């Protein structure tokens, strides 16, 4: 971790970094309830193609959004590094299936640029910003847009 202050500056936010199809993404930590390994996902009939199904997580049924499918990448079998980021936005709780997630980081606002218009058009408006951290590019996810069309669990 680059920044270790216990009181992050007002112009910095904390994020959980995760990867999907070789790209690093960031979700605002305030929207991530917890991260867990996934054993089994129960398929649900007539779900959108990017919904893998539902899981029982900490006492509640949570729909699982496969981020590879949501972002238009080819699906691949889950391995031991795969993680479910259980997020909450607009009162909805949804699991985001990522290839891996393991880093908590503070990103200064000065490192974040708005996405280029051509990129945001292609990404389905899922990208809130693009951060450059040393030699890494991190796409900051708009969690609300990603889960916006996900069905609510019963």
N, C-alpha and C. Protein backbone atom coordinates (compact mmCIF):
# COMPACT_ATOMS: atom_id res chain seq x y z
N UNK A 1 0.83 -1.17 0.00
CA UNK A 1 0.00 0.00 0.00
C UNK A 1 0.88 1.23 0.00
N UNK A 2 0.52 2.18 -0.84
CA UNK A 2 1.30 3.40 -0.95
C UNK A 2 1.08 4.33 0.23
N UNK A 3 -0.17 4.51 0.62
CA UNK A 3 -0.55 5.50 1.62
C UNK A 3 -0.96 4.79 2.90
N UNK A 4 -0.34 5.09 4.01
CA UNK A 4 -0.64 4.36 5.24
C UNK A 4 -1.20 5.24 6.35
N UNK A 5 -1.54 6.47 6.06
CA UNK A 5 -2.08 7.37 7.07
C UNK A 5 -3.41 6.84 7.60
N UNK A 6 -3.63 7.00 8.90
CA UNK A 6 -4.89 6.56 9.48
C UNK A 6 -6.00 7.58 9.22
N UNK A 7 -5.65 8.80 8.81
CA UNK A 7 -6.61 9.83 8.46
C UNK A 7 -6.36 10.27 7.03
N UNK A 8 -7.01 9.57 6.06
CA UNK A 8 -6.76 9.95 4.67
C UNK A 8 -7.14 11.42 4.45
N UNK A 9 -6.41 12.05 3.59
CA UNK A 9 -6.67 13.45 3.28
C UNK A 9 -8.07 13.60 2.70
N UNK A 10 -8.63 14.76 2.85
CA UNK A 10 -9.98 15.01 2.35
C UNK A 10 -10.05 14.85 0.84
N UNK A 11 -8.91 15.00 0.16
CA UNK A 11 -8.91 14.89 -1.30
C UNK A 11 -8.48 13.51 -1.77
N UNK A 12 -8.68 12.49 -0.94
CA UNK A 12 -8.35 11.12 -1.31
C UNK A 12 -9.50 10.21 -0.87
N UNK A 13 -9.66 9.10 -1.60
CA UNK A 13 -10.71 8.13 -1.25
C UNK A 13 -10.09 6.74 -1.20
N UNK A 14 -10.73 5.85 -0.44
CA UNK A 14 -10.22 4.49 -0.34
C UNK A 14 -11.02 3.57 -1.26
N UNK A 15 -10.30 2.59 -1.80
CA UNK A 15 -10.87 1.67 -2.78
C UNK A 15 -10.40 0.25 -2.52
N UNK A 16 -11.18 -0.70 -3.02
CA UNK A 16 -10.78 -2.10 -3.10
C UNK A 16 -10.41 -2.33 -4.56
N UNK A 17 -9.17 -2.81 -4.79
CA UNK A 17 -8.74 -3.11 -6.15
C UNK A 17 -9.03 -4.57 -6.48
N UNK A 18 -9.49 -4.79 -7.69
CA UNK A 18 -9.76 -6.16 -8.16
C UNK A 18 -9.47 -6.22 -9.64
N UNK A 19 -9.33 -7.43 -10.17
CA UNK A 19 -9.03 -7.55 -11.60
C UNK A 19 -10.09 -8.38 -12.31
N UNK A 20 -10.31 -8.01 -13.56
CA UNK A 20 -11.22 -8.71 -14.46
C UNK A 20 -10.54 -8.70 -15.83
N UNK A 21 -10.31 -9.89 -16.37
CA UNK A 21 -9.71 -10.03 -17.71
C UNK A 21 -8.41 -9.25 -17.86
N UNK A 22 -7.58 -9.26 -16.82
CA UNK A 22 -6.27 -8.64 -16.89
C UNK A 22 -6.24 -7.14 -16.65
N UNK A 23 -7.38 -6.53 -16.38
CA UNK A 23 -7.46 -5.10 -16.11
C UNK A 23 -7.74 -4.88 -14.64
N UNK A 24 -7.13 -3.85 -14.05
CA UNK A 24 -7.35 -3.53 -12.65
C UNK A 24 -8.46 -2.50 -12.53
N UNK A 25 -9.42 -2.80 -11.67
CA UNK A 25 -10.54 -1.92 -11.39
C UNK A 25 -10.52 -1.55 -9.91
N UNK A 26 -11.21 -0.48 -9.57
CA UNK A 26 -11.33 -0.05 -8.18
C UNK A 26 -12.80 0.19 -7.86
N UNK A 27 -13.24 -0.32 -6.71
CA UNK A 27 -14.58 -0.05 -6.21
C UNK A 27 -14.44 0.75 -4.93
N UNK A 28 -15.22 1.82 -4.77
CA UNK A 28 -15.13 2.61 -3.54
C UNK A 28 -15.36 1.71 -2.32
N UNK A 29 -14.46 1.76 -1.36
CA UNK A 29 -14.55 0.86 -0.21
C UNK A 29 -15.83 1.06 0.59
N UNK A 30 -16.38 2.26 0.56
CA UNK A 30 -17.61 2.52 1.31
C UNK A 30 -18.79 1.73 0.73
N UNK A 31 -18.68 1.27 -0.51
CA UNK A 31 -19.76 0.50 -1.13
C UNK A 31 -19.53 -1.01 -1.05
N UNK A 32 -18.35 -1.43 -0.60
CA UNK A 32 -18.04 -2.86 -0.51
C UNK A 32 -18.31 -3.33 0.91
N UNK A 33 -19.29 -4.20 1.06
CA UNK A 33 -19.62 -4.75 2.39
C UNK A 33 -18.54 -5.73 2.84
N UNK A 34 -18.22 -6.67 1.96
CA UNK A 34 -17.19 -7.66 2.26
C UNK A 34 -16.79 -8.38 0.97
N UNK A 35 -15.70 -9.13 1.08
CA UNK A 35 -15.19 -9.92 -0.05
C UNK A 35 -15.11 -11.36 0.42
N UNK A 36 -15.51 -12.28 -0.43
CA UNK A 36 -15.46 -13.69 -0.04
C UNK A 36 -15.14 -14.59 -1.22
N UNK A 37 -14.71 -15.79 -0.89
CA UNK A 37 -14.53 -16.82 -1.91
C UNK A 37 -15.92 -17.37 -2.23
N UNK A 38 -16.07 -17.94 -3.39
CA UNK A 38 -17.38 -18.47 -3.79
C UNK A 38 -17.26 -19.96 -4.05
N UNK A 39 -18.08 -20.72 -3.36
CA UNK A 39 -18.09 -22.16 -3.58
C UNK A 39 -19.08 -22.52 -4.68
N UNK A 40 -20.31 -22.07 -4.51
CA UNK A 40 -21.35 -22.48 -5.43
C UNK A 40 -22.30 -21.33 -5.68
N UNK A 41 -22.68 -21.17 -6.94
CA UNK A 41 -23.68 -20.17 -7.33
C UNK A 41 -24.88 -20.95 -7.86
N UNK A 42 -26.06 -20.63 -7.35
CA UNK A 42 -27.28 -21.29 -7.79
C UNK A 42 -27.86 -20.53 -8.97
N UNK A 43 -27.99 -21.21 -10.09
CA UNK A 43 -28.54 -20.59 -11.30
C UNK A 43 -30.01 -20.25 -11.08
N UNK A 44 -30.46 -19.17 -11.71
CA UNK A 44 -31.87 -18.78 -11.65
C UNK A 44 -32.41 -18.68 -13.07
N UNK A 45 -33.65 -19.13 -13.29
CA UNK A 45 -34.20 -19.11 -14.64
C UNK A 45 -34.46 -17.69 -15.15
N UNK A 46 -34.30 -17.51 -16.44
CA UNK A 46 -34.60 -16.25 -17.12
C UNK A 46 -33.80 -15.05 -16.63
N UNK A 47 -32.64 -15.31 -16.05
CA UNK A 47 -31.78 -14.20 -15.60
C UNK A 47 -31.08 -13.60 -16.81
N UNK A 48 -30.72 -12.31 -16.73
CA UNK A 48 -29.93 -11.72 -17.81
C UNK A 48 -28.62 -12.50 -17.98
N UNK A 49 -28.02 -12.47 -19.16
CA UNK A 49 -26.84 -13.29 -19.44
C UNK A 49 -25.63 -13.00 -18.53
N UNK A 50 -25.56 -11.83 -17.95
CA UNK A 50 -24.43 -11.49 -17.07
C UNK A 50 -24.67 -11.85 -15.61
N UNK A 51 -25.84 -12.41 -15.30
CA UNK A 51 -26.13 -12.85 -13.93
C UNK A 51 -25.84 -14.35 -13.85
N UNK A 52 -24.88 -14.73 -12.99
CA UNK A 52 -24.55 -16.14 -12.82
C UNK A 52 -25.60 -16.88 -12.00
N UNK A 53 -26.31 -16.16 -11.15
CA UNK A 53 -27.32 -16.76 -10.28
C UNK A 53 -27.31 -16.04 -8.95
N UNK A 54 -27.54 -16.80 -7.87
CA UNK A 54 -27.57 -16.21 -6.53
C UNK A 54 -26.69 -17.04 -5.59
N UNK A 55 -26.24 -16.39 -4.53
CA UNK A 55 -25.51 -17.06 -3.45
C UNK A 55 -26.15 -16.66 -2.13
N UNK A 56 -25.92 -17.47 -1.11
CA UNK A 56 -26.36 -17.15 0.24
C UNK A 56 -25.13 -16.59 0.94
N UNK A 57 -25.16 -15.31 1.25
CA UNK A 57 -24.00 -14.65 1.83
C UNK A 57 -24.39 -13.93 3.12
N UNK A 58 -23.81 -14.37 4.21
CA UNK A 58 -24.04 -13.73 5.52
C UNK A 58 -25.51 -13.50 5.81
N UNK A 59 -26.29 -14.54 5.57
CA UNK A 59 -27.70 -14.50 5.94
C UNK A 59 -28.66 -13.95 4.92
N UNK A 60 -28.16 -13.58 3.73
CA UNK A 60 -29.09 -13.08 2.72
C UNK A 60 -28.77 -13.64 1.34
N UNK A 61 -29.81 -13.70 0.51
CA UNK A 61 -29.66 -14.16 -0.87
C UNK A 61 -29.20 -12.96 -1.70
N UNK A 62 -28.08 -13.17 -2.43
CA UNK A 62 -27.46 -12.08 -3.17
C UNK A 62 -27.30 -12.49 -4.63
N UNK A 63 -27.82 -11.68 -5.59
CA UNK A 63 -27.58 -11.98 -7.00
C UNK A 63 -26.10 -11.76 -7.33
N UNK A 64 -25.58 -12.58 -8.25
CA UNK A 64 -24.17 -12.52 -8.63
C UNK A 64 -24.03 -12.02 -10.06
N UNK A 65 -23.38 -10.85 -10.21
CA UNK A 65 -23.08 -10.29 -11.52
C UNK A 65 -21.70 -10.77 -11.93
N UNK A 66 -21.62 -11.47 -13.05
CA UNK A 66 -20.33 -11.90 -13.58
C UNK A 66 -19.74 -10.70 -14.33
N UNK A 67 -18.70 -10.10 -13.75
CA UNK A 67 -18.14 -8.88 -14.35
C UNK A 67 -17.53 -9.13 -15.72
N UNK A 68 -16.99 -10.32 -15.97
CA UNK A 68 -16.47 -10.61 -17.31
C UNK A 68 -17.61 -10.49 -18.33
N UNK A 69 -18.74 -11.11 -18.04
CA UNK A 69 -19.88 -11.06 -18.96
C UNK A 69 -20.46 -9.65 -19.02
N UNK A 70 -20.54 -8.97 -17.89
CA UNK A 70 -21.11 -7.61 -17.84
C UNK A 70 -20.30 -6.64 -18.69
N UNK A 71 -18.97 -6.83 -18.69
CA UNK A 71 -18.09 -5.93 -19.43
C UNK A 71 -17.83 -6.40 -20.86
N UNK A 72 -18.44 -7.51 -21.28
CA UNK A 72 -18.30 -7.98 -22.65
C UNK A 72 -17.09 -8.85 -22.91
N UNK A 73 -16.46 -9.36 -21.84
CA UNK A 73 -15.32 -10.26 -22.01
C UNK A 73 -15.80 -11.70 -22.02
N UNK A 74 -14.94 -12.58 -22.52
CA UNK A 74 -15.25 -14.00 -22.53
C UNK A 74 -15.25 -14.54 -21.10
N UNK A 75 -16.24 -15.36 -20.81
CA UNK A 75 -16.28 -16.00 -19.49
C UNK A 75 -15.16 -17.02 -19.38
N UNK A 76 -14.73 -17.30 -18.17
CA UNK A 76 -13.75 -18.36 -17.96
C UNK A 76 -14.09 -19.06 -16.66
N UNK A 77 -13.63 -20.29 -16.51
CA UNK A 77 -13.92 -21.00 -15.26
C UNK A 77 -13.31 -20.27 -14.06
N UNK A 78 -14.05 -20.27 -12.94
CA UNK A 78 -13.50 -19.65 -11.72
C UNK A 78 -12.36 -20.49 -11.20
N UNK A 79 -11.35 -19.82 -10.66
CA UNK A 79 -10.28 -20.55 -10.00
C UNK A 79 -10.20 -20.09 -8.55
N UNK A 80 -9.20 -20.55 -7.84
CA UNK A 80 -9.07 -20.28 -6.41
C UNK A 80 -8.88 -18.79 -6.10
N UNK A 81 -8.45 -18.01 -7.09
CA UNK A 81 -8.26 -16.57 -6.87
C UNK A 81 -9.54 -15.75 -7.03
N UNK A 82 -10.57 -16.33 -7.64
CA UNK A 82 -11.82 -15.61 -7.88
C UNK A 82 -12.43 -15.15 -6.55
N UNK A 83 -13.00 -13.95 -6.58
CA UNK A 83 -13.60 -13.38 -5.38
C UNK A 83 -14.93 -12.73 -5.72
N UNK A 84 -15.81 -12.76 -4.73
CA UNK A 84 -17.09 -12.10 -4.83
C UNK A 84 -17.03 -10.85 -3.96
N UNK A 85 -17.18 -9.69 -4.59
CA UNK A 85 -17.25 -8.43 -3.85
C UNK A 85 -18.72 -8.15 -3.62
N UNK A 86 -19.16 -8.23 -2.39
CA UNK A 86 -20.56 -7.95 -2.07
C UNK A 86 -20.66 -6.45 -1.84
N UNK A 87 -21.39 -5.79 -2.74
CA UNK A 87 -21.47 -4.33 -2.73
C UNK A 87 -22.90 -3.89 -2.45
N UNK A 88 -23.02 -2.64 -2.01
CA UNK A 88 -24.33 -2.05 -1.79
C UNK A 88 -24.36 -0.66 -2.40
N UNK A 89 -25.41 -0.42 -3.19
CA UNK A 89 -25.63 0.91 -3.78
C UNK A 89 -27.13 1.08 -3.96
N UNK A 90 -27.63 2.23 -3.63
CA UNK A 90 -29.07 2.52 -3.74
C UNK A 90 -29.92 1.49 -3.00
N UNK A 91 -29.44 1.00 -1.86
CA UNK A 91 -30.20 0.04 -1.08
C UNK A 91 -30.22 -1.36 -1.65
N UNK A 92 -29.47 -1.59 -2.72
CA UNK A 92 -29.40 -2.93 -3.34
C UNK A 92 -28.09 -3.59 -2.97
N UNK A 93 -28.16 -4.88 -2.67
CA UNK A 93 -26.96 -5.65 -2.35
C UNK A 93 -26.77 -6.66 -3.47
N UNK A 94 -25.58 -6.62 -4.10
CA UNK A 94 -25.27 -7.47 -5.24
C UNK A 94 -23.84 -7.97 -5.09
N UNK A 95 -23.57 -9.19 -5.55
CA UNK A 95 -22.22 -9.72 -5.57
C UNK A 95 -21.61 -9.51 -6.94
N UNK A 96 -20.39 -8.96 -6.98
CA UNK A 96 -19.66 -8.78 -8.23
C UNK A 96 -18.58 -9.84 -8.31
N UNK A 97 -18.65 -10.73 -9.30
CA UNK A 97 -17.66 -11.79 -9.45
C UNK A 97 -16.46 -11.25 -10.21
N UNK A 98 -15.31 -11.25 -9.53
CA UNK A 98 -14.06 -10.76 -10.12
C UNK A 98 -13.05 -11.90 -10.19
N UNK A 99 -12.07 -11.75 -11.08
CA UNK A 99 -11.03 -12.77 -11.21
C UNK A 99 -10.19 -12.87 -9.94
N UNK A 100 -9.93 -11.73 -9.31
CA UNK A 100 -9.27 -11.70 -8.01
C UNK A 100 -9.46 -10.33 -7.38
N UNK A 101 -9.38 -10.27 -6.06
CA UNK A 101 -9.49 -9.01 -5.32
C UNK A 101 -8.69 -9.18 -4.05
N UNK A 102 -7.73 -8.26 -3.85
CA UNK A 102 -6.90 -8.46 -2.67
C UNK A 102 -6.21 -7.21 -2.15
N UNK A 103 -6.55 -6.06 -2.68
CA UNK A 103 -5.80 -4.87 -2.30
C UNK A 103 -6.73 -3.75 -1.88
N UNK A 104 -6.39 -3.11 -0.77
CA UNK A 104 -7.11 -1.94 -0.26
C UNK A 104 -6.15 -0.77 -0.41
N UNK A 105 -6.60 0.32 -1.04
CA UNK A 105 -5.67 1.39 -1.36
C UNK A 105 -6.37 2.75 -1.27
N UNK A 106 -5.60 3.76 -0.96
CA UNK A 106 -6.09 5.14 -0.99
C UNK A 106 -5.60 5.77 -2.28
N UNK A 107 -6.52 6.37 -3.01
CA UNK A 107 -6.17 7.02 -4.27
C UNK A 107 -6.44 8.51 -4.13
N UNK A 108 -5.40 9.34 -4.29
CA UNK A 108 -5.62 10.78 -4.21
C UNK A 108 -6.45 11.26 -5.40
N UNK A 109 -7.31 12.23 -5.15
CA UNK A 109 -8.16 12.78 -6.22
C UNK A 109 -7.32 13.30 -7.39
N UNK A 110 -6.10 13.78 -7.10
CA UNK A 110 -5.25 14.32 -8.16
C UNK A 110 -4.79 13.24 -9.14
N UNK A 111 -4.89 11.96 -8.73
CA UNK A 111 -4.48 10.86 -9.61
C UNK A 111 -5.62 10.38 -10.49
N UNK A 112 -6.81 10.94 -10.30
CA UNK A 112 -8.00 10.47 -11.03
C UNK A 112 -8.40 11.48 -12.10
N UNK A 113 -8.59 10.96 -13.31
CA UNK A 113 -9.07 11.77 -14.43
C UNK A 113 -10.43 11.23 -14.86
N UNK A 114 -11.30 12.09 -15.39
CA UNK A 114 -12.56 11.57 -15.93
C UNK A 114 -12.28 10.70 -17.14
N UNK A 115 -13.14 9.70 -17.40
CA UNK A 115 -12.90 8.87 -18.59
C UNK A 115 -13.10 9.68 -19.86
N UNK A 116 -12.31 9.38 -20.85
CA UNK A 116 -12.45 10.00 -22.16
C UNK A 116 -13.83 9.66 -22.70
N UNK A 117 -14.46 10.57 -23.41
CA UNK A 117 -15.82 10.36 -23.92
C UNK A 117 -15.93 9.09 -24.76
N UNK A 118 -14.91 8.78 -25.56
CA UNK A 118 -14.99 7.58 -26.39
C UNK A 118 -14.89 6.32 -25.54
N UNK A 119 -14.15 6.37 -24.45
CA UNK A 119 -14.05 5.21 -23.56
C UNK A 119 -15.35 5.02 -22.80
N UNK A 120 -15.89 6.08 -22.25
CA UNK A 120 -17.11 5.93 -21.46
C UNK A 120 -18.27 5.45 -22.32
N UNK A 121 -18.29 5.85 -23.58
CA UNK A 121 -19.33 5.36 -24.48
C UNK A 121 -19.22 3.87 -24.72
N UNK A 122 -17.99 3.37 -24.84
CA UNK A 122 -17.77 1.94 -25.07
C UNK A 122 -18.01 1.12 -23.82
N UNK A 123 -17.74 1.69 -22.65
CA UNK A 123 -17.79 0.91 -21.41
C UNK A 123 -19.19 0.79 -20.83
N UNK A 124 -20.19 1.39 -21.47
CA UNK A 124 -21.53 1.32 -20.93
C UNK A 124 -21.68 2.19 -19.70
N UNK A 125 -20.86 3.24 -19.59
CA UNK A 125 -20.91 4.18 -18.48
C UNK A 125 -20.60 3.54 -17.13
N UNK A 126 -19.86 2.45 -17.11
CA UNK A 126 -19.51 1.79 -15.86
C UNK A 126 -18.27 2.41 -15.22
N UNK A 127 -17.56 3.25 -15.95
CA UNK A 127 -16.30 3.80 -15.46
C UNK A 127 -16.51 5.24 -14.99
N UNK A 128 -16.20 5.48 -13.72
CA UNK A 128 -16.34 6.81 -13.12
C UNK A 128 -15.09 7.66 -13.34
N UNK A 129 -13.94 6.99 -13.41
CA UNK A 129 -12.70 7.72 -13.60
C UNK A 129 -11.56 6.75 -13.89
N UNK A 130 -10.42 7.32 -14.26
CA UNK A 130 -9.23 6.52 -14.53
C UNK A 130 -8.10 7.08 -13.67
N UNK A 131 -7.52 6.22 -12.84
CA UNK A 131 -6.44 6.65 -11.95
C UNK A 131 -5.12 6.10 -12.47
N UNK A 132 -4.08 6.91 -12.33
CA UNK A 132 -2.73 6.44 -12.64
C UNK A 132 -1.96 6.40 -11.33
N UNK A 133 -1.48 5.21 -10.99
CA UNK A 133 -0.74 4.98 -9.75
C UNK A 133 0.62 4.42 -10.13
N UNK A 134 1.63 5.25 -10.05
CA UNK A 134 2.97 4.87 -10.51
C UNK A 134 2.86 4.40 -11.95
N UNK A 135 3.11 3.11 -12.20
CA UNK A 135 3.05 2.62 -13.57
C UNK A 135 1.76 1.84 -13.86
N UNK A 136 0.78 1.92 -12.96
CA UNK A 136 -0.47 1.19 -13.14
C UNK A 136 -1.61 2.12 -13.54
N UNK A 137 -2.49 1.62 -14.39
CA UNK A 137 -3.73 2.31 -14.71
C UNK A 137 -4.85 1.54 -14.03
N UNK A 138 -5.68 2.26 -13.29
CA UNK A 138 -6.79 1.64 -12.56
C UNK A 138 -8.08 2.31 -13.01
N UNK A 139 -9.05 1.49 -13.43
CA UNK A 139 -10.35 2.01 -13.84
C UNK A 139 -11.27 2.02 -12.62
N UNK A 140 -11.77 3.21 -12.27
CA UNK A 140 -12.63 3.33 -11.10
C UNK A 140 -14.07 3.05 -11.53
N UNK A 141 -14.63 2.05 -10.90
CA UNK A 141 -15.95 1.55 -11.26
C UNK A 141 -17.07 2.41 -10.68
N UNK A 142 -18.10 2.64 -11.46
CA UNK A 142 -19.32 3.25 -10.95
C UNK A 142 -20.22 2.09 -10.56
N UNK A 143 -20.15 1.70 -9.30
CA UNK A 143 -20.86 0.51 -8.82
C UNK A 143 -22.35 0.62 -9.08
N UNK A 144 -22.92 1.78 -8.89
CA UNK A 144 -24.35 1.98 -9.08
C UNK A 144 -24.75 1.64 -10.52
N UNK A 145 -23.96 2.06 -11.51
CA UNK A 145 -24.29 1.75 -12.90
C UNK A 145 -24.12 0.26 -13.20
N UNK A 146 -23.12 -0.37 -12.61
CA UNK A 146 -22.88 -1.79 -12.88
C UNK A 146 -24.03 -2.65 -12.36
N UNK A 147 -24.54 -2.33 -11.19
CA UNK A 147 -25.60 -3.16 -10.61
C UNK A 147 -27.00 -2.64 -10.92
N UNK A 148 -27.07 -1.50 -11.60
CA UNK A 148 -28.36 -0.87 -11.86
C UNK A 148 -29.40 -1.76 -12.51
N UNK A 149 -29.00 -2.59 -13.43
CA UNK A 149 -29.96 -3.44 -14.14
C UNK A 149 -30.03 -4.85 -13.56
N UNK A 150 -29.25 -5.11 -12.50
CA UNK A 150 -29.27 -6.44 -11.89
C UNK A 150 -30.60 -6.65 -11.19
N UNK A 151 -31.18 -7.84 -11.31
CA UNK A 151 -32.45 -8.08 -10.65
C UNK A 151 -32.28 -8.10 -9.13
N UNK A 152 -33.32 -7.71 -8.45
CA UNK A 152 -33.30 -7.78 -6.99
C UNK A 152 -33.57 -9.21 -6.55
N UNK A 153 -32.88 -9.64 -5.51
CA UNK A 153 -33.14 -10.98 -4.97
C UNK A 153 -34.46 -10.95 -4.22
N UNK A 154 -35.17 -12.06 -4.25
CA UNK A 154 -36.48 -12.11 -3.58
C UNK A 154 -36.31 -12.15 -2.08
